[in-house]
PDB file of N, CA and C in Angstrom:
ATOM      1  N   MET A   1      -6.283 -18.320  -1.135  1.00  0.00           N
ATOM      2  CA  MET A   1      -6.219 -17.221  -2.422  1.00  0.00           C
ATOM      3  C   MET A   1      -6.687 -16.399  -2.119  1.00  0.00           C
ATOM      4  N   PRO A   2      -6.114 -15.217  -2.527  1.00  0.00           N
ATOM      5  CA  PRO A   2      -6.277 -13.913  -2.329  1.00  0.00           C
ATOM      6  C   PRO A   2      -7.403 -13.287  -3.272  1.00  0.00           C
ATOM      7  N   GLU A   3      -8.105 -12.188  -2.640  1.00  0.00           N
ATOM      8  CA  GLU A   3      -9.009 -12.131  -3.649  1.00  0.00           C
ATOM      9  C   GLU A   3      -8.346 -11.257  -4.635  1.00  0.00           C
ATOM     10  N   PRO A   4      -9.366 -11.205  -5.940  1.00  0.00           N
ATOM     11  CA  PRO A   4      -8.951 -10.315  -7.178  1.00  0.00           C
ATOM     12  C   PRO A   4      -8.767  -8.807  -6.557  1.00  0.00           C
ATOM     13  N   GLU A   5      -9.383  -8.178  -5.922  1.00  0.00           N
ATOM     14  CA  GLU A   5      -9.431  -7.158  -5.424  1.00  0.00           C
ATOM     15  C   GLU A   5      -8.056  -6.583  -4.583  1.00  0.00           C
ATOM     16  N   ASP A   6      -7.869  -7.454  -3.794  1.00  0.00           N
ATOM     17  CA  ASP A   6      -6.351  -7.603  -2.884  1.00  0.00           C
ATOM     18  C   ASP A   6      -5.104  -7.474  -3.870  1.00  0.00           C
ATOM     19  N   GLU A   7      -5.604  -8.188  -4.422  1.00  0.00           N
ATOM     20  CA  GLU A   7      -4.036  -8.969  -5.720  1.00  0.00           C
ATOM     21  C   GLU A   7      -4.078  -7.498  -6.690  1.00  0.00           C
ATOM     22  N   ALA A   8      -4.991  -6.763  -6.811  1.00  0.00           N
ATOM     23  CA  ALA A   8      -4.970  -5.487  -7.646  1.00  0.00           C
ATOM     24  C   ALA A   8      -4.512  -4.211  -6.774  1.00  0.00           C
ATOM     25  N   PHE A   9      -5.067  -4.173  -5.594  1.00  0.00           N
ATOM     26  CA  PHE A   9      -4.771  -3.246  -4.812  1.00  0.00           C
ATOM     27  C   PHE A   9      -3.196  -3.409  -4.357  1.00  0.00           C
ATOM     28  N   THR A  10      -2.799  -4.488  -4.057  1.00  0.00           N
ATOM     29  CA  THR A  10      -1.227  -4.763  -3.737  1.00  0.00           C
ATOM     30  C   THR A  10      -0.455  -4.294  -4.840  1.00  0.00           C
ATOM     31  N   LEU A  11      -0.770  -4.924  -6.211  1.00  0.00           N
ATOM     32  CA  LEU A  11      -0.107  -4.243  -7.169  1.00  0.00           C
ATOM     33  C   LEU A  11      -0.098  -2.976  -7.299  1.00  0.00           C
ATOM     34  N   ILE A  12      -1.507  -2.340  -7.039  1.00  0.00           N
ATOM     35  CA  ILE A  12      -1.122  -0.724  -7.353  1.00  0.00           C
ATOM     36  C   ILE A  12      -0.533   0.142  -6.397  1.00  0.00           C
ATOM     37  N   GLN A  13      -0.682  -0.473  -5.386  1.00  0.00           N
ATOM     38  CA  GLN A  13       0.270   0.172  -4.060  1.00  0.00           C
ATOM     39  C   GLN A  13       1.756  -0.095  -4.116  1.00  0.00           C
ATOM     40  N   SER A  14       2.259  -1.189  -5.090  1.00  0.00           N
ATOM     41  CA  SER A  14       3.694  -1.551  -5.281  1.00  0.00           C
ATOM     42  C   SER A  14       4.223  -0.412  -6.347  1.00  0.00           C
ATOM     43  N   ARG A  15       3.550   0.662  -6.837  1.00  0.00           N
ATOM     44  CA  ARG A  15       3.876   1.488  -7.976  1.00  0.00           C
ATOM     45  C   ARG A  15       3.521   2.575  -7.530  1.00  0.00           C
ATOM     46  N   PRO A  16       4.475   3.226  -6.926  1.00  0.00           N
ATOM     47  CA  PRO A  16       3.687   4.930  -6.571  1.00  0.00           C
ATOM     48  C   PRO A  16       3.568   5.866  -7.877  1.00  0.00           C
ATOM     49  N   GLU A  17       4.146   5.312  -9.098  1.00  0.00           N
ATOM     50  CA  GLU A  17       4.169   6.115 -10.054  1.00  0.00           C
ATOM     51  C   GLU A  17       2.740   6.123 -11.078  1.00  0.00           C
ATOM     52  N   GLY A  18       2.026   4.714 -10.511  1.00  0.00           N
ATOM     53  CA  GLY A  18       0.577   4.142 -11.087  1.00  0.00           C
ATOM     54  C   GLY A  18       0.525   3.098 -11.901  1.00  0.00           C
ATOM     55  N   VAL A  19      -0.473   2.675 -12.330  1.00  0.00           N
ATOM     56  CA  VAL A  19      -0.235   1.403 -13.285  1.00  0.00           C
ATOM     57  C   VAL A  19      -1.331   2.250 -14.149  1.00  0.00           C
ATOM     58  N   LEU A  20      -1.356   1.804 -15.426  1.00  0.00           N
ATOM     59  CA  LEU A  20      -2.305   1.743 -16.252  1.00  0.00           C
ATOM     60  C   LEU A  20      -3.492   0.508 -16.183  1.00  0.00           C
ATOM     61  N   GLN A  21      -4.799   0.837 -16.613  1.00  0.00           N
ATOM     62  CA  GLN A  21      -5.454  -0.163 -16.285  1.00  0.00           C
ATOM     63  C   GLN A  21      -5.558  -1.099 -17.452  1.00  0.00           C
ATOM     64  N   SER A  22      -4.845  -0.607 -18.675  1.00  0.00           N
ATOM     65  CA  SER A  22      -4.986  -1.325 -19.680  1.00  0.00           C
ATOM     66  C   SER A  22      -3.786  -2.313 -19.764  1.00  0.00           C
ATOM     67  N   GLU A  23      -2.895  -2.033 -18.912  1.00  0.00           N
ATOM     68  CA  GLU A  23      -1.705  -3.017 -18.624  1.00  0.00           C
ATOM     69  C   GLU A  23      -2.347  -4.101 -16.827  1.00  0.00           C
ATOM     70  N   LEU A  24      -2.996  -3.508 -15.975  1.00  0.00           N
ATOM     71  CA  LEU A  24      -3.549  -4.464 -15.075  1.00  0.00           C
ATOM     72  C   LEU A  24      -4.217  -5.597 -15.187  1.00  0.00           C
ATOM     73  N   TRP A  25      -5.356  -5.202 -16.267  1.00  0.00           N
ATOM     74  CA  TRP A  25      -5.830  -6.956 -16.113  1.00  0.00           C
ATOM     75  C   TRP A  25      -4.916  -7.815 -16.985  1.00  0.00           C
ATOM     76  N   LYS A  26      -3.810  -7.176 -17.670  1.00  0.00           N
ATOM     77  CA  LYS A  26      -2.811  -8.478 -18.079  1.00  0.00           C
ATOM     78  C   LYS A  26      -2.136  -9.194 -17.136  1.00  0.00           C
ATOM     79  N   GLU A  27      -1.742  -7.943 -16.009  1.00  0.00           N
ATOM     80  CA  GLU A  27      -0.896  -8.476 -15.148  1.00  0.00           C
ATOM     81  C   GLU A  27      -1.596  -9.390 -13.973  1.00  0.00           C
ATOM     82  N   LEU A  28      -2.900  -9.143 -13.598  1.00  0.00           N
ATOM     83  CA  LEU A  28      -3.773  -9.805 -12.842  1.00  0.00           C
ATOM     84  C   LEU A  28      -4.159 -11.204 -13.762  1.00  0.00           C
ATOM     85  N   GLY A  29      -4.185 -11.144 -15.028  1.00  0.00           N
ATOM     86  CA  GLY A  29      -4.624 -12.363 -15.693  1.00  0.00           C
ATOM     87  C   GLY A  29      -6.142 -12.731 -15.623  1.00  0.00           C
ATOM     88  N   VAL A  30      -6.591 -11.440 -16.027  1.00  0.00           N
ATOM     89  CA  VAL A  30      -8.325 -11.438 -16.159  1.00  0.00           C
ATOM     90  C   VAL A  30      -8.275 -10.860 -17.333  1.00  0.00           C
ATOM     91  N   ASP A  31     -10.123 -10.864 -17.447  1.00  0.00           N
ATOM     92  CA  ASP A  31     -10.163  -9.910 -18.764  1.00  0.00           C
ATOM     93  C   ASP A  31     -10.355  -8.516 -18.546  1.00  0.00           C
ATOM     94  N   SER A  32     -10.601  -8.133 -19.290  1.00  0.00           N
ATOM     95  CA  SER A  32     -10.748  -6.655 -19.013  1.00  0.00           C
ATOM     96  C   SER A  32     -12.081  -6.244 -18.516  1.00  0.00           C
ATOM     97  N   ARG A  33     -12.830  -6.751 -18.769  1.00  0.00           N
ATOM     98  CA  ARG A  33     -14.002  -6.509 -18.074  1.00  0.00           C
ATOM     99  C   ARG A  33     -14.174  -6.459 -16.527  1.00  0.00           C
ATOM    100  N   LYS A  34     -13.892  -7.947 -15.990  1.00  0.00           N
ATOM    101  CA  LYS A  34     -13.241  -8.169 -14.731  1.00  0.00           C
ATOM    102  C   LYS A  34     -12.435  -7.319 -14.066  1.00  0.00           C
ATOM    103  N   CYS A  35     -11.634  -6.443 -15.191  1.00  0.00           N
ATOM    104  CA  CYS A  35     -10.290  -5.774 -14.392  1.00  0.00           C
ATOM    105  C   CYS A  35     -11.077  -4.403 -14.210  1.00  0.00           C
ATOM    106  N   SER A  36     -12.131  -4.188 -14.931  1.00  0.00           N
ATOM    107  CA  SER A  36     -13.108  -2.767 -14.641  1.00  0.00           C
ATOM    108  C   SER A  36     -14.078  -2.998 -13.575  1.00  0.00           C
ATOM    109  N   ARG A  37     -14.858  -4.195 -13.230  1.00  0.00           N
ATOM    110  CA  ARG A  37     -15.357  -4.141 -11.882  1.00  0.00           C
ATOM    111  C   ARG A  37     -14.218  -3.858 -10.442  1.00  0.00           C
ATOM    112  N   ILE A  38     -13.169  -4.869 -11.084  1.00  0.00           N
ATOM    113  CA  ILE A  38     -12.128  -4.854  -9.694  1.00  0.00           C
ATOM    114  C   ILE A  38     -11.847  -3.028  -9.403  1.00  0.00           C
ATOM    115  N   VAL A  39     -11.688  -2.539 -10.456  1.00  0.00           N
ATOM    116  CA  VAL A  39     -11.299  -1.296 -10.288  1.00  0.00           C
ATOM    117  C   VAL A  39     -12.377  -0.397  -9.631  1.00  0.00           C
ATOM    118  N   LYS A  40     -13.585  -0.634 -10.136  1.00  0.00           N
ATOM    119  CA  LYS A  40     -14.691   0.452  -9.946  1.00  0.00           C
ATOM    120  C   LYS A  40     -14.860   0.003  -8.198  1.00  0.00           C
ATOM    121  N   LYS A  41     -14.252  -1.176  -7.947  1.00  0.00           N
ATOM    122  CA  LYS A  41     -14.697  -1.684  -6.417  1.00  0.00           C
ATOM    123  C   LYS A  41     -13.496  -1.064  -5.452  1.00  0.00           C
ATOM    124  N   LEU A  42     -12.657  -0.518  -5.874  1.00  0.00           N
ATOM    125  CA  LEU A  42     -11.526  -0.340  -5.403  1.00  0.00           C
ATOM    126  C   LEU A  42     -11.401   1.309  -5.265  1.00  0.00           C
ATOM    127  N   GLU A  43     -12.140   1.849  -6.362  1.00  0.00           N
ATOM    128  CA  GLU A  43     -12.493   3.267  -6.502  1.00  0.00           C
ATOM    129  C   GLU A  43     -13.445   3.760  -5.391  1.00  0.00           C
ATOM    130  N   GLU A  44     -14.759   2.660  -5.650  1.00  0.00           N
ATOM    131  CA  GLU A  44     -15.543   2.956  -4.688  1.00  0.00           C
ATOM    132  C   GLU A  44     -15.545   2.715  -3.268  1.00  0.00           C
ATOM    133  N   SER A  45     -14.342   2.116  -2.874  1.00  0.00           N
ATOM    134  CA  SER A  45     -13.922   1.961  -1.668  1.00  0.00           C
ATOM    135  C   SER A  45     -12.861   3.092  -0.795  1.00  0.00           C
ATOM    136  N   GLY A  46     -12.352   4.095  -1.793  1.00  0.00           N
ATOM    137  CA  GLY A  46     -11.745   5.040  -1.853  1.00  0.00           C
ATOM    138  C   GLY A  46     -10.316   4.706  -1.545  1.00  0.00           C
ATOM    139  N   LEU A  47      -9.708   3.356  -1.989  1.00  0.00           N
ATOM    140  CA  LEU A  47      -8.655   2.938  -2.055  1.00  0.00           C
ATOM    141  C   LEU A  47      -7.708   3.493  -3.389  1.00  0.00           C
ATOM    142  N   ILE A  48      -7.885   3.950  -4.154  1.00  0.00           N
ATOM    143  CA  ILE A  48      -7.336   4.077  -5.539  1.00  0.00           C
ATOM    144  C   ILE A  48      -7.927   5.297  -5.939  1.00  0.00           C
ATOM    145  N   ASN A  49      -6.763   6.237  -6.987  1.00  0.00           N
ATOM    146  CA  ASN A  49      -7.710   7.319  -7.596  1.00  0.00           C
ATOM    147  C   ASN A  49      -7.325   6.587  -9.080  1.00  0.00           C
ATOM    148  N   ARG A  50      -8.548   6.943 -10.208  1.00  0.00           N
ATOM    149  CA  ARG A  50      -8.245   6.614 -11.196  1.00  0.00           C
ATOM    150  C   ARG A  50      -8.605   7.731 -12.311  1.00  0.00           C
ATOM    151  N   VAL A  51      -7.354   8.419 -13.145  1.00  0.00           N
ATOM    152  CA  VAL A  51      -7.652   9.131 -13.976  1.00  0.00           C
ATOM    153  C   VAL A  51      -7.449   8.992 -15.196  1.00  0.00           C
ATOM    154  N   GLU A  52      -8.396   9.637 -16.085  1.00  0.00           N
ATOM    155  CA  GLU A  52      -8.050   9.661 -17.411  1.00  0.00           C
ATOM    156  C   GLU A  52      -6.854   9.441 -18.123  1.00  0.00           C
ATOM    157  N   TYR A  53      -6.196   9.011 -18.938  1.00  0.00           N
ATOM    158  CA  TYR A  53      -4.657   9.102 -19.592  1.00  0.00           C
ATOM    159  C   TYR A  53      -4.796   8.222 -21.014  1.00  0.00           C
ATOM    160  N   LYS A  54      -3.843   8.917 -21.827  1.00  0.00           N
ATOM    161  CA  LYS A  54      -3.707   8.680 -23.362  1.00  0.00           C
ATOM    162  C   LYS A  54      -2.432   8.131 -23.392  1.00  0.00           C
ATOM    163  N   LYS A  55      -2.331   6.800 -23.901  1.00  0.00           N
ATOM    164  CA  LYS A  55      -1.259   6.515 -24.009  1.00  0.00           C
ATOM    165  C   LYS A  55      -1.346   5.821 -25.407  1.00  0.00           C
ATOM    166  N   ASP A  56      -0.383   6.136 -26.555  1.00  0.00           N
ATOM    167  CA  ASP A  56      -0.231   5.820 -28.120  1.00  0.00           C
ATOM    168  C   ASP A  56      -1.522   6.654 -28.579  1.00  0.00           C
ATOM    169  N   GLY A  57      -2.126   7.713 -28.244  1.00  0.00           N
ATOM    170  CA  GLY A  57      -3.628   8.007 -28.490  1.00  0.00           C
ATOM    171  C   GLY A  57      -4.661   7.158 -28.186  1.00  0.00           C
ATOM    172  N   ILE A  58      -4.535   5.851 -27.100  1.00  0.00           N
ATOM    173  CA  ILE A  58      -5.636   5.431 -26.954  1.00  0.00           C
ATOM    174  C   ILE A  58      -5.817   5.734 -25.766  1.00  0.00           C
ATOM    175  N   LYS A  59      -7.003   5.907 -25.200  1.00  0.00           N
ATOM    176  CA  LYS A  59      -7.708   6.241 -23.725  1.00  0.00           C
ATOM    177  C   LYS A  59      -7.718   5.369 -22.723  1.00  0.00           C
ATOM    178  N   THR A  60      -7.194   5.516 -21.904  1.00  0.00           N
ATOM    179  CA  THR A  60      -7.030   4.427 -20.612  1.00  0.00           C
ATOM    180  C   THR A  60      -7.273   4.988 -19.348  1.00  0.00           C
ATOM    181  N   TYR A  61      -6.711   4.584 -18.016  1.00  0.00           N
ATOM    182  CA  TYR A  61      -6.820   5.214 -17.001  1.00  0.00           C
ATOM    183  C   TYR A  61      -5.632   4.631 -16.021  1.00  0.00           C
ATOM    184  N   LEU A  62      -4.955   6.120 -15.611  1.00  0.00           N
ATOM    185  CA  LEU A  62      -4.102   5.701 -14.598  1.00  0.00           C
ATOM    186  C   LEU A  62      -4.549   5.449 -13.115  1.00  0.00           C
ATOM    187  N   LEU A  63      -4.230   4.341 -12.580  1.00  0.00           N
ATOM    188  CA  LEU A  63      -4.338   3.977 -11.058  1.00  0.00           C
ATOM    189  C   LEU A  63      -3.380   4.513 -10.089  1.00  0.00           C
ATOM    190  N   ARG A  64      -4.045   4.988  -9.249  1.00  0.00           N
ATOM    191  CA  ARG A  64      -2.660   4.838  -8.232  1.00  0.00           C
ATOM    192  C   ARG A  64      -3.412   4.722  -6.975  1.00  0.00           C
ATOM    193  N   ALA A  65      -2.697   4.267  -5.799  1.00  0.00           N
ATOM    194  CA  ALA A  65      -3.357   4.091  -4.457  1.00  0.00           C
ATOM    195  C   ALA A  65      -3.331   5.346  -4.052  1.00  0.00           C
ATOM    196  N   ARG A  66      -4.355   5.626  -2.781  1.00  0.00           N
ATOM    197  CA  ARG A  66      -4.754   7.195  -2.115  1.00  0.00           C
ATOM    198  C   ARG A  66      -3.815   6.622  -0.761  1.00  0.00           C
ATOM    199  N   GLN A  67      -3.327   7.359  -0.312  1.00  0.00           N
ATOM    200  CA  GLN A  67      -2.635   7.390   1.075  1.00  0.00           C
ATOM    201  C   GLN A  67      -3.689   7.103   1.716  1.00  0.00           C
ATOM    202  N   GLN A  68      -3.156   6.061   2.579  1.00  0.00           N
ATOM    203  CA  GLN A  68      -4.104   5.704   3.813  1.00  0.00           C
ATOM    204  C   GLN A  68      -3.497   6.332   5.094  1.00  0.00           C
ATOM    205  N   PRO A  69      -4.948   6.604   6.122  1.00  0.00           N
ATOM    206  CA  PRO A  69      -4.309   7.284   7.408  1.00  0.00           C
ATOM    207  C   PRO A  69      -3.665   6.066   7.967  1.00  0.00           C
ATOM    208  N   VAL A  70      -2.832   6.409   8.880  1.00  0.00           N
ATOM    209  CA  VAL A  70      -1.779   5.473   9.949  1.00  0.00           C
ATOM    210  C   VAL A  70      -2.816   5.509  11.083  1.00  0.00           C
ATOM    211  N   HIS A  71      -2.857   4.091  11.537  1.00  0.00           N
ATOM    212  CA  HIS A  71      -3.769   3.496  12.547  1.00  0.00           C
ATOM    213  C   HIS A  71      -2.984   3.672  13.565  1.00  0.00           C
ATOM    214  N   PRO A  72      -3.210   4.617  14.846  1.00  0.00           N
ATOM    215  CA  PRO A  72      -2.205   4.636  15.907  1.00  0.00           C
ATOM    216  C   PRO A  72      -1.521   3.559  16.912  1.00  0.00           C
ATOM    217  N   GLU A  73      -2.382   2.295  16.473  1.00  0.00           N
ATOM    218  CA  GLU A  73      -1.911   1.038  17.476  1.00  0.00           C
ATOM    219  C   GLU A  73      -0.608   0.458  16.439  1.00  0.00           C
ATOM    220  N   ASP A  74      -0.459   1.221  15.086  1.00  0.00           N
ATOM    221  CA  ASP A  74       0.649   0.892  14.402  1.00  0.00           C
ATOM    222  C   ASP A  74       1.734   1.510  14.565  1.00  0.00           C
ATOM    223  N   LEU A  75       2.007   2.502  15.741  1.00  0.00           N
ATOM    224  CA  LEU A  75       2.935   3.090  16.300  1.00  0.00           C
ATOM    225  C   LEU A  75       3.495   2.721  17.654  1.00  0.00           C
ATOM    226  N   LEU A  76       2.976   1.845  18.404  1.00  0.00           N
ATOM    227  CA  LEU A  76       3.053   1.194  19.190  1.00  0.00           C
ATOM    228  C   LEU A  76       3.871   0.201  19.121  1.00  0.00           C
ATOM    229  N   ALA A  77       4.407  -0.178  20.068  1.00  0.00           N
ATOM    230  CA  ALA A  77       5.164  -1.348  20.678  1.00  0.00           C
ATOM    231  C   ALA A  77       4.849  -1.731  22.360  1.00  0.00           C
ATOM    232  N   GLY A  78       3.960  -2.501  22.191  1.00  0.00           N
ATOM    233  CA  GLY A  78       3.241  -2.466  23.649  1.00  0.00           C
ATOM    234  C   GLY A  78       2.574  -1.118  23.825  1.00  0.00           C
ATOM    235  N   ASP A  79       3.272  -0.278  24.986  1.00  0.00           N
ATOM    236  CA  ASP A  79       2.998   1.310  25.233  1.00  0.00           C
ATOM    237  C   ASP A  79       4.081   2.151  24.623  1.00  0.00           C
ATOM    238  N   GLU A  80       4.995   1.420  23.994  1.00  0.00           N
ATOM    239  CA  GLU A  80       6.337   2.505  23.476  1.00  0.00           C
ATOM    240  C   GLU A  80       6.031   3.010  22.140  1.00  0.00           C
ATOM    241  N   LEU A  81       5.707   4.368  22.175  1.00  0.00           N
ATOM    242  CA  LEU A  81       6.100   5.001  20.687  1.00  0.00           C
ATOM    243  C   LEU A  81       7.288   4.799  20.183  1.00  0.00           C
ATOM    244  N   ILE A  82       6.896   4.470  18.552  1.00  0.00           N
ATOM    245  CA  ILE A  82       7.521   4.468  17.458  1.00  0.00           C
ATOM    246  C   ILE A  82       8.339   5.784  17.741  1.00  0.00           C
ATOM    247  N   PRO A  83       9.806   5.880  17.938  1.00  0.00           N
ATOM    248  CA  PRO A  83      10.951   6.682  18.029  1.00  0.00           C
ATOM    249  C   PRO A  83      10.943   7.752  16.973  1.00  0.00           C
ATOM    250  N   CYS A  84      10.903   7.226  15.661  1.00  0.00           N
ATOM    251  CA  CYS A  84      10.578   8.231  14.541  1.00  0.00           C
ATOM    252  C   CYS A  84       9.724   9.571  14.815  1.00  0.00           C
ATOM    253  N   ILE A  85       8.590   9.436  15.419  1.00  0.00           N
ATOM    254  CA  ILE A  85       7.868  10.447  15.698  1.00  0.00           C
ATOM    255  C   ILE A  85       8.406  11.646  15.677  1.00  0.00           C
ATOM    256  N   ALA A  86       9.323  11.786  17.059  1.00  0.00           N
ATOM    257  CA  ALA A  86       9.764  13.028  17.159  1.00  0.00           C
ATOM    258  C   ALA A  86      11.447  13.363  16.807  1.00  0.00           C
ATOM    259  N   CYS A  87      11.708  12.385  15.652  1.00  0.00           N
ATOM    260  CA  CYS A  87      13.243  12.566  15.570  1.00  0.00           C
ATOM    261  C   CYS A  87      13.223  13.083  14.337  1.00  0.00           C
ATOM    262  N   ASP A  88      14.293  14.095  14.398  1.00  0.00           N
ATOM    263  CA  ASP A  88      14.436  14.797  13.021  1.00  0.00           C
ATOM    264  C   ASP A  88      16.025  14.424  12.290  1.00  0.00           C
ATOM    265  N   LEU A  89      16.632  13.523  12.914  1.00  0.00           N
ATOM    266  CA  LEU A  89      17.454  12.880  12.219  1.00  0.00           C
ATOM    267  C   LEU A  89      17.414  12.290  10.837  1.00  0.00           C
ATOM    268  N   GLU A  90      18.551  12.276   9.892  1.00  0.00           N
ATOM    269  CA  GLU A  90      18.568  11.059   8.917  1.00  0.00           C
ATOM    270  C   GLU A  90      19.176  10.081   9.124  1.00  0.00           C
ATOM    271  N   CYS A  91      18.649   9.187   8.822  1.00  0.00           N
ATOM    272  CA  CYS A  91      19.136   7.822   9.409  1.00  0.00           C
ATOM    273  C   CYS A  91      19.136   6.429   8.475  1.00  0.00           C
ATOM    274  N   ILE A  92      19.734   5.420   8.724  1.00  0.00           N
ATOM    275  CA  ILE A  92      19.752   4.181   8.103  1.00  0.00           C
ATOM    276  C   ILE A  92      18.932   3.559   9.087  1.00  0.00           C
ATOM    277  N   VAL A  93      17.906   2.937   8.090  1.00  0.00           N
ATOM    278  CA  VAL A  93      17.176   2.293   9.270  1.00  0.00           C
ATOM    279  C   VAL A  93      17.942   1.087  10.127  1.00  0.00           C
ATOM    280  N   ASP A  94      18.717   0.236   9.445  1.00  0.00           N
ATOM    281  CA  ASP A  94      19.581  -0.826  10.489  1.00  0.00           C
ATOM    282  C   ASP A  94      20.765  -0.176  10.898  1.00  0.00           C
ATOM    283  N   GLU A  95      20.891   0.791  10.979  1.00  0.00           N
ATOM    284  CA  GLU A  95      21.857   1.581  11.827  1.00  0.00           C
ATOM    285  C   GLU A  95      21.270   2.545  13.317  1.00  0.00           C
ATOM    286  N   CYS A  96      19.969   2.705  13.274  1.00  0.00           N
ATOM    287  CA  CYS A  96      19.177   3.167  14.243  1.00  0.00           C
ATOM    288  C   CYS A  96      19.003   2.281  15.449  1.00  0.00           C
ATOM    289  N   HIS A  97      19.941   2.866  16.534  1.00  0.00           N
ATOM    290  CA  HIS A  97      19.535   1.981  17.627  1.00  0.00           C
ATOM    291  C   HIS A  97      18.116   1.801  17.922  1.00  0.00           C
ATOM    292  N   PRO A  98      17.799   3.443  18.371  1.00  0.00           N
ATOM    293  CA  PRO A  98      16.558   3.325  18.853  1.00  0.00           C
ATOM    294  C   PRO A  98      15.545   2.738  17.945  1.00  0.00           C
ATOM    295  N   LEU A  99      15.241   2.838  16.804  1.00  0.00           N
ATOM    296  CA  LEU A  99      14.292   2.335  16.222  1.00  0.00           C
ATOM    297  C   LEU A  99      14.475   0.784  15.997  1.00  0.00           C
ATOM    298  N   MET A 100      15.911   0.299  16.005  1.00  0.00           N
ATOM    299  CA  MET A 100      15.979  -1.196  16.213  1.00  0.00           C
ATOM    300  C   MET A 100      15.551  -1.786  17.483  1.00  0.00           C
ATOM    301  N   ASP A 101      15.551  -1.187  18.584  1.00  0.00           N
ATOM    302  CA  ASP A 101      15.009  -1.313  19.953  1.00  0.00           C
ATOM    303  C   ASP A 101      13.595  -1.630  19.882  1.00  0.00           C
ATOM    304  N   TRP A 102      13.179  -0.515  19.410  1.00  0.00           N
ATOM    305  CA  TRP A 102      11.595  -0.323  19.263  1.00  0.00           C
ATOM    306  C   TRP A 102      11.090  -1.689  18.554  1.00  0.00           C
ATOM    307  N   MET A 103      11.867  -1.943  16.820  1.00  0.00           N
ATOM    308  CA  MET A 103      11.482  -2.893  16.313  1.00  0.00           C
ATOM    309  C   MET A 103      11.518  -4.120  17.094  1.00  0.00           C
ATOM    310  N   TYR A 104      12.373  -4.581  17.714  1.00  0.00           N
ATOM    311  CA  TYR A 104      12.843  -5.752  18.608  1.00  0.00           C
ATOM    312  C   TYR A 104      11.441  -5.616  20.008  1.00  0.00           C
ATOM    313  N   GLN A 105      10.777  -4.703  20.077  1.00  0.00           N
ATOM    314  CA  GLN A 105       9.951  -4.974  21.192  1.00  0.00           C
ATOM    315  C   GLN A 105       8.700  -4.994  20.832  1.00  0.00           C
ATOM    316  N   LEU A 106       8.621  -4.214  19.508  1.00  0.00           N
ATOM    317  CA  LEU A 106       7.152  -4.833  18.582  1.00  0.00           C
ATOM    318  C   LEU A 106       7.172  -6.115  18.785  1.00  0.00           C
ATOM    319  N   ALA A 107       8.255  -6.796  18.387  1.00  0.00           N
ATOM    320  CA  ALA A 107       8.481  -8.302  18.009  1.00  0.00           C
ATOM    321  C   ALA A 107       7.927  -9.196  19.162  1.00  0.00           C
ATOM    322  N   ILE A 108       8.426  -8.787  20.147  1.00  0.00           N
ATOM    323  CA  ILE A 108       8.131  -9.261  21.560  1.00  0.00           C
ATOM    324  C   ILE A 108       6.881  -9.115  22.092  1.00  0.00           C
ATOM    325  N   VAL A 109       6.260  -8.085  22.020  1.00  0.00           N
ATOM    326  CA  VAL A 109       4.919  -7.785  22.090  1.00  0.00           C
ATOM    327  C   VAL A 109       4.098  -8.356  21.080  1.00  0.00           C
ATOM    328  N   GLY A 110       4.363  -8.475  20.102  1.00  0.00           N
ATOM    329  CA  GLY A 110       3.180  -9.262  19.026  1.00  0.00           C
ATOM    330  C   GLY A 110       3.208 -10.584  19.066  1.00  0.00           C
ATOM    331  N   ASN A 111       4.495 -11.416  19.087  1.00  0.00           N
ATOM    332  CA  ASN A 111       4.751 -12.869  19.834  1.00  0.00           C
ATOM    333  C   ASN A 111       3.824 -12.958  21.200  1.00  0.00           C
ATOM    334  N   SER A 112       3.936 -12.303  21.824  1.00  0.00           N
ATOM    335  CA  SER A 112       3.341 -12.590  23.381  1.00  0.00           C
ATOM    336  C   SER A 112       2.022 -12.626  23.171  1.00  0.00           C
ATOM    337  N   ASN A 113       1.391 -12.040  22.244  1.00  0.00           N
ATOM    338  CA  ASN A 113      -0.230 -11.782  21.896  1.00  0.00           C
ATOM    339  C   ASN A 113      -0.821 -12.630  21.509  1.00  0.00           C
ATOM    340  N   ARG A 114       0.128 -13.808  21.002  1.00  0.00           N
ATOM    341  CA  ARG A 114      -0.617 -14.825  20.271  1.00  0.00           C
ATOM    342  C   ARG A 114      -0.870 -15.866  20.898  1.00  0.00           C
TER     343      ARG A 114
END
């Protein structure tokens, strides 16, 4: 079972426009106090931004996930760098042969490490 903080962070990340704290606790199925503790942990961990927000004259907070740095190992399939790094073409992911080949290589390398 996922930790409440993980579940909350996943939900917040899934909404780039943000989530109101007054709605988050309802969606998580926890009381508002527990939600406040969860939000505090996420904010102290540097995972989210919490900004005062008024909705219908009532003060709440808008929660947004902070952008996280990309880990260099996430850009590699074995020792092959993701082709998108130097690419300036606009593409459709499932029609980009270099990217599809790289993802296939990533799957092979990932499965061979198990």
